[in-house]
Protein backbone atom coordinates (compact mmCIF):
# COMPACT_ATOMS: atom_id res chain seq x y z
CA MET A 1 -29.52 -90.26 98.51
CA THR A 2 -31.09 -86.72 98.80
CA GLN A 3 -27.73 -84.90 98.81
CA SER A 4 -26.75 -86.73 95.51
CA THR A 5 -30.15 -85.66 93.98
CA LEU A 6 -29.52 -81.97 95.04
CA PHE A 7 -25.82 -82.07 93.73
CA GLN A 8 -27.13 -83.39 90.46
CA ALA A 9 -29.90 -80.65 90.19
CA HIS A 10 -27.31 -77.98 91.09
CA ARG A 11 -24.94 -78.94 88.48
CA ASN A 12 -27.61 -78.97 85.78
CA PHE A 13 -28.68 -75.50 86.87
CA SER A 14 -25.08 -74.24 86.57
CA LEU A 15 -24.82 -75.85 83.10
CA VAL A 16 -27.99 -74.18 82.03
CA LEU A 17 -26.79 -70.82 83.37
CA ILE A 18 -23.54 -71.06 81.68
CA CYS A 19 -25.25 -71.90 78.39
CA VAL A 20 -27.50 -68.92 78.80
CA MET A 21 -24.60 -66.69 79.39
CA LEU A 22 -22.57 -67.96 76.56
CA GLY A 23 -25.57 -67.36 74.27
CA ALA A 24 -26.15 -63.86 75.51
CA CYS A 25 -22.34 -63.17 74.90
CA ALA A 26 -22.58 -64.42 71.28
CA THR A 27 -25.81 -62.50 70.72
CA THR A 28 -24.19 -59.22 72.00
CA GLN A 29 -20.92 -59.75 69.87
CA LYS A 30 -22.98 -60.46 66.76
CA GLY A 31 -24.99 -57.22 67.28
CA SER A 32 -21.75 -55.09 67.74
CA THR A 33 -19.83 -56.58 64.83
CA GLY A 34 -22.75 -57.03 62.36
CA SER A 35 -24.27 -59.89 60.88
CA GLY A 36 -20.93 -61.16 59.53
CA ASP A 37 -22.28 -61.47 55.96
CA GLN A 38 -20.78 -59.07 53.37
CA ALA A 39 -22.26 -58.04 50.13
CA ALA A 40 -20.46 -59.36 47.18
CA ALA A 41 -18.64 -56.84 45.18
CA PRO A 42 -19.60 -56.29 41.44
CA ILE A 43 -17.37 -58.20 38.95
CA SER A 44 -16.70 -54.84 37.16
CA ASP A 45 -15.24 -53.33 40.36
CA ALA A 46 -12.99 -56.54 40.65
CA SER A 47 -11.41 -55.74 37.27
CA LYS A 48 -10.33 -52.17 38.45
CA PRO A 49 -6.94 -51.84 40.08
CA GLN A 50 -7.11 -50.37 43.46
CA ALA A 51 -4.38 -48.18 44.77
CA GLN A 52 -2.96 -49.29 48.04
CA ALA A 53 -3.03 -46.36 50.64
CA LYS A 54 0.19 -45.38 52.18
CA PRO A 55 0.61 -45.26 55.74
CA GLY A 56 -0.91 -42.01 57.11
CA GLU A 57 -2.98 -41.44 53.96
CA THR A 58 -6.76 -41.84 53.73
CA PRO A 59 -7.77 -44.55 51.45
CA GLY A 60 -9.29 -43.28 48.08
CA ALA A 61 -7.49 -39.89 48.27
CA PRO A 62 -5.43 -39.08 45.27
CA SER A 63 -1.68 -39.38 45.83
CA ALA A 64 0.90 -36.72 45.37
CA GLY A 65 2.51 -38.84 42.49
CA ALA A 66 -0.78 -38.80 40.52
CA ALA A 67 -1.21 -35.07 40.98
CA GLY A 68 2.38 -34.57 39.96
CA THR A 69 1.99 -36.65 36.90
CA SER A 70 -1.12 -35.04 35.60
CA SER A 71 0.18 -31.47 36.23
CA PRO A 72 3.02 -31.72 33.78
CA SER A 73 0.95 -33.25 31.05
CA ASN A 74 -1.60 -30.41 31.42
CA SER A 75 1.25 -27.83 31.42
CA ALA A 76 2.74 -29.34 28.35
CA LYS A 77 -0.68 -29.25 26.59
CA SER A 78 -1.16 -25.68 27.56
CA ALA A 79 2.35 -24.72 26.43
CA GLY A 80 1.86 -26.54 23.22
CA ALA A 81 -1.48 -24.88 22.62
CA ALA A 82 0.12 -21.46 23.28
CA GLY A 83 2.92 -22.13 20.90
CA ALA A 84 0.47 -23.12 18.17
CA ASP A 85 -1.44 -19.98 18.77
CA THR A 86 1.63 -17.84 18.70
CA GLY A 87 2.99 -19.59 15.50
CA THR A 88 -0.47 -19.16 13.79
CA LYS A 89 -0.60 -15.39 14.72
CA GLN A 90 3.04 -14.87 13.52
CA GLY A 91 2.06 -16.66 10.28
CA SER A 92 -0.99 -14.53 9.72
CA SER A 93 0.88 -11.47 10.48
CA GLU A 94 3.72 -12.37 8.08
CA SER A 95 1.48 -13.25 5.26
CA GLY A 96 -0.41 -9.95 5.97
CA ALA A 97 2.81 -8.06 5.69
CA ALA A 98 3.74 -9.93 2.36
CA ALA A 99 0.41 -9.05 1.03
CA SER A 100 0.79 -5.35 2.09
CA ASP A 101 4.21 -5.23 0.34
CA ASN A 102 2.82 -6.92 -2.91
CA GLU A 103 0.02 -4.43 -3.16
CA GLU A 104 2.31 -1.44 -2.52
CA ALA A 105 4.78 -2.89 -5.25
CA ALA A 106 1.75 -3.15 -7.74
CA GLN A 107 0.65 0.29 -7.00
CA LEU A 108 4.13 1.69 -7.64
CA LYS A 109 4.27 -0.32 -10.87
CA ARG A 110 1.07 1.09 -12.12
CA GLN A 111 2.17 4.59 -11.23
CA LEU A 112 5.32 4.12 -13.11
CA GLU A 113 3.36 2.74 -16.10
CA ASP A 114 1.10 5.89 -15.99
CA GLN A 115 4.21 8.11 -15.90
CA ASP A 116 5.70 6.29 -18.86
CA ALA A 117 2.41 6.72 -20.80
CA GLN A 118 2.50 10.34 -19.89
CA ILE A 119 6.05 10.84 -21.22
CA ASN A 120 5.27 8.90 -24.41
CA LYS A 121 2.37 11.24 -25.05
CA LEU A 122 4.41 14.33 -24.51
CA ARG A 123 7.13 12.84 -26.87
CA ALA A 124 4.51 12.14 -29.51
CA GLU A 125 3.23 15.67 -29.25
CA GLN A 126 6.78 17.21 -29.73
CA GLN A 127 7.33 15.01 -32.76
CA ALA A 128 3.99 16.02 -34.20
CA GLU A 129 4.94 19.83 -33.63
CA ALA A 130 8.41 19.34 -35.31
CA VAL A 131 6.72 17.63 -38.30
CA ARG A 132 4.11 20.44 -38.64
CA GLU A 133 7.03 23.09 -38.41
CA GLU A 134 8.97 21.31 -41.01
CA ALA A 135 5.90 21.15 -43.28
CA GLU A 136 5.41 24.88 -42.97
CA VAL A 137 8.94 25.48 -43.82
CA ALA A 138 8.82 23.38 -46.93
CA LYS A 139 5.55 24.99 -47.99
CA MET A 140 7.28 28.52 -47.64
CA ARG A 141 10.29 27.40 -49.72
CA GLU A 142 7.88 26.13 -52.44
CA GLN A 143 6.06 29.35 -52.55
CA GLN A 144 9.33 31.45 -52.65
CA ALA A 145 10.53 29.14 -55.54
CA ALA A 146 7.28 29.68 -57.49
CA VAL A 147 7.57 33.30 -56.98
CA ALA A 148 11.30 33.39 -58.27
CA GLY A 149 10.21 31.26 -61.37
CA ALA A 150 7.28 33.52 -62.21
CA THR A 151 9.58 36.67 -62.03
CA ALA A 152 12.22 35.17 -64.26
CA ALA A 153 9.55 34.30 -66.79
CA THR A 154 8.15 37.84 -66.73
CA ASP A 155 11.66 39.43 -67.32
CA GLN A 156 12.27 37.10 -70.34
CA GLN A 157 9.01 38.24 -72.15
CA PRO A 158 9.22 41.40 -74.39
CA ALA A 159 7.34 44.48 -73.33
CA ALA A 160 3.88 44.53 -74.96
CA GLY A 161 2.76 47.91 -73.80
CA THR A 162 1.92 49.76 -70.78
CA ALA A 163 -1.18 47.68 -70.29
CA SER A 164 0.72 44.36 -70.38
CA ALA A 165 3.42 45.77 -68.10
CA ALA A 166 0.88 46.91 -65.68
CA ALA A 167 -0.85 43.55 -65.81
CA ALA A 168 2.34 41.70 -65.38
CA LYS A 169 3.39 43.98 -62.43
CA SER A 170 0.02 43.22 -60.87
CA GLN A 171 0.45 39.52 -61.33
CA ASP A 172 3.99 39.81 -59.70
CA GLU A 173 2.60 41.61 -56.73
CA ALA A 174 -0.21 39.20 -56.43
CA ALA A 175 2.37 36.17 -56.59
CA VAL A 176 4.79 37.85 -54.15
CA PHE A 177 2.33 38.91 -51.59
CA PRO A 178 1.48 35.41 -50.33
CA ALA A 179 4.96 34.51 -49.88
CA ASN A 180 5.72 37.67 -47.99
CA ALA A 181 2.77 37.08 -45.92
CA GLY A 182 3.83 33.65 -45.06
CA THR A 183 7.29 34.99 -44.22
CA ALA A 184 5.88 37.58 -42.09
CA SER A 185 3.50 35.27 -40.23
CA GLY A 186 6.31 32.74 -39.69
CA SER A 187 8.52 35.48 -38.29
CA THR A 188 5.56 36.79 -36.12
CA ALA A 189 5.13 33.19 -34.65
CA ALA A 190 8.76 32.81 -33.94
CA SER A 191 8.85 36.24 -32.24
CA ALA A 192 5.79 35.29 -30.21
CA ARG A 193 7.43 32.02 -29.16
CA GLU A 194 10.69 33.91 -28.09
CA GLU A 195 8.73 36.51 -26.38
CA SER A 196 6.71 33.84 -24.38
CA ALA A 197 10.14 32.02 -23.56
CA ALA A 198 11.60 35.25 -22.24
CA ARG A 199 8.68 35.79 -19.88
CA GLN A 200 8.74 33.82 -16.68
CA PRO A 201 5.60 31.59 -16.53
CA VAL A 202 2.97 32.66 -13.88
CA GLU A 203 1.69 29.21 -13.30
CA ARG A 204 4.36 26.94 -11.86
CA SER A 205 2.40 24.42 -9.65
CA VAL A 206 1.14 20.95 -10.56
CA TYR A 207 -1.69 19.62 -8.31
CA PHE A 208 -2.30 15.84 -7.97
CA ASP A 209 -5.18 13.64 -6.95
CA TYR A 210 -5.36 11.72 -3.64
CA ASP A 211 -2.40 9.39 -3.22
CA GLN A 212 -1.39 9.73 -6.82
CA ALA A 213 1.99 10.98 -8.50
CA THR A 214 0.81 11.06 -12.16
CA VAL A 215 0.88 14.50 -13.74
CA PRO A 216 -2.59 15.25 -15.14
CA ASP A 217 -2.82 16.20 -18.92
CA LYS A 218 -4.23 19.62 -18.29
CA TYR A 219 -0.80 20.81 -17.23
CA ASP A 220 1.05 20.01 -20.60
CA GLU A 221 0.93 23.62 -21.85
CA MET A 222 2.15 24.96 -18.51
CA LEU A 223 5.03 22.49 -18.41
CA LEU A 224 6.03 23.37 -22.11
CA ALA A 225 6.09 27.12 -21.12
CA ASN A 226 8.30 26.43 -18.06
CA ALA A 227 10.72 24.13 -20.16
CA ALA A 228 10.92 26.85 -22.80
CA TYR A 229 11.71 29.50 -20.28
CA LEU A 230 14.42 27.20 -18.81
CA LYS A 231 15.92 26.72 -22.43
CA ALA A 232 15.86 30.44 -23.01
CA HIS A 233 17.77 31.08 -19.79
CA PRO A 234 20.59 28.55 -19.43
CA ALA A 235 21.99 30.29 -16.33
CA ILE A 236 18.77 29.60 -14.29
CA ALA A 237 18.61 26.48 -12.19
CA ALA A 238 15.08 25.15 -11.23
CA GLU A 239 13.89 23.16 -8.11
CA VAL A 240 10.82 20.96 -8.13
CA GLN A 241 9.44 20.57 -4.61
CA GLY A 242 6.90 17.85 -3.96
CA ASN A 243 4.36 18.16 -1.29
CA CYS A 244 1.45 16.21 0.37
CA ASP A 245 -1.52 16.82 2.56
CA GLU A 246 -1.32 15.94 6.14
CA ARG A 247 -2.92 12.53 6.10
CA GLY A 248 -0.55 9.53 6.10
CA SER A 249 2.71 9.02 8.00
CA ARG A 250 5.64 11.27 7.70
CA GLU A 251 7.81 8.63 5.93
CA TYR A 252 5.01 7.81 3.40
CA ASN A 253 4.25 11.48 2.62
CA LEU A 254 8.13 12.08 2.04
CA ALA A 255 8.33 9.12 -0.37
CA LEU A 256 5.12 10.35 -2.20
CA GLY A 257 6.31 13.84 -2.39
CA ALA A 258 9.51 12.58 -4.06
CA ARG A 259 7.57 10.67 -6.58
CA ARG A 260 5.54 13.77 -7.48
CA ALA A 261 8.77 15.96 -7.85
CA MET A 262 10.41 13.35 -10.02
CA ALA A 263 7.20 13.12 -12.25
CA VAL A 264 7.29 16.89 -12.83
CA LYS A 265 11.05 16.82 -13.57
CA ARG A 266 10.68 14.20 -16.23
CA ALA A 267 7.93 16.14 -17.87
CA LEU A 268 10.17 19.13 -18.08
CA GLU A 269 12.97 17.03 -19.43
CA LEU A 270 10.72 15.58 -22.18
CA ALA A 271 9.55 19.21 -22.99
CA GLY A 272 13.27 20.07 -23.68
CA ALA A 273 14.60 21.32 -20.37
CA ASP A 274 18.04 20.35 -19.20
CA GLY A 275 17.53 17.87 -16.31
CA SER A 276 21.04 18.62 -14.94
CA ARG A 277 19.75 22.15 -13.85
CA ILE A 278 16.46 20.73 -12.26
CA ALA A 279 16.62 19.36 -8.77
CA ALA A 280 13.80 17.38 -7.29
CA ILE A 281 13.19 17.31 -3.64
CA SER A 282 10.33 16.34 -1.30
CA TYR A 283 8.84 18.18 1.90
CA GLY A 284 6.15 15.58 2.46
CA SER A 285 3.44 17.42 4.52
CA GLU A 286 5.76 19.87 6.21
CA LYS A 287 5.24 22.78 3.91
CA PRO A 288 1.42 23.22 3.40
CA VAL A 289 -0.19 26.15 1.95
CA ALA A 290 -3.62 25.55 3.47
CA THR A 291 -4.14 24.59 7.05
CA GLY A 292 -7.80 23.48 6.95
CA LYS A 293 -9.12 20.03 7.52
CA ASP A 294 -11.39 19.93 4.46
CA GLU A 295 -10.89 18.47 1.04
CA GLU A 296 -10.21 21.76 -0.57
CA SER A 297 -7.33 22.50 1.83
CA TYR A 298 -6.03 18.93 1.18
CA SER A 299 -6.20 19.38 -2.62
CA ARG A 300 -4.16 22.58 -2.43
CA ASN A 301 -1.38 20.78 -0.54
CA ARG A 302 -1.17 17.95 -2.80
CA ARG A 303 1.23 19.68 -5.33
CA ALA A 304 4.56 19.96 -6.85
CA ASP A 305 6.04 23.54 -7.15
CA ILE A 306 8.56 24.60 -9.96
CA VAL A 307 10.84 27.18 -8.07
CA TYR A 308 13.43 29.30 -9.99
């Protein structure tokens, strides 16, 4: 009886010890692994697709495929932007060049119109001079006819004494003197023109304004004198040399000098000179007469010289 009681107590104690050990093990496992309750993820996160990490990669790190996909698109955007910028710059450059060409063409057109106006003015002056000379010749003829008629009437009248003859003679002299005076003045003017044409003109340079090729009005008399000299000496050939100041490019100055030389040549032709004996050349800025850097030196180099 005593042994049976001891065995039963020993068994109960063993069971209690086993339960205590199992409880201790469960408590230890729960402390190491956590409480086992996980917080519920937000519904918005559940709607987002999650990329699965490949073996050997850290979850959440961007994959090579994603980087490769984004890089070409960024490169394409950059290339497109660069192309658009280049096209815009080229378009602006072409529009600027077209505007510059249009402006230069308009300027050349205005210069040609100014030259034509100058030519028309010289032509009108020549026509007026010719009309004036014709009027003077007609007046001289009328005076000579009147003198001839008065002389014939005097010869037909009978002599009425010495006083009448003296009076008629004085009248004849009075009538003849203006005609002789007109003839003498006309011959004197013609001689003066011939003598002026025979002498070589001293002034033979036309000076222009800045970036202009229009002959100023103040050189009309000088150009007429040079044209008369060339007409009086058919064996002489002339050369009009266009020049510019040093400002501007070499090509532009050569073109401007050529326009200035052609403008002076046209003026000489309108004044009566033979254009086939006049050559027009341009030296640009390569033949200056003044080497200063001031406006006075520049104005002396903007010229066209008539060289015999």
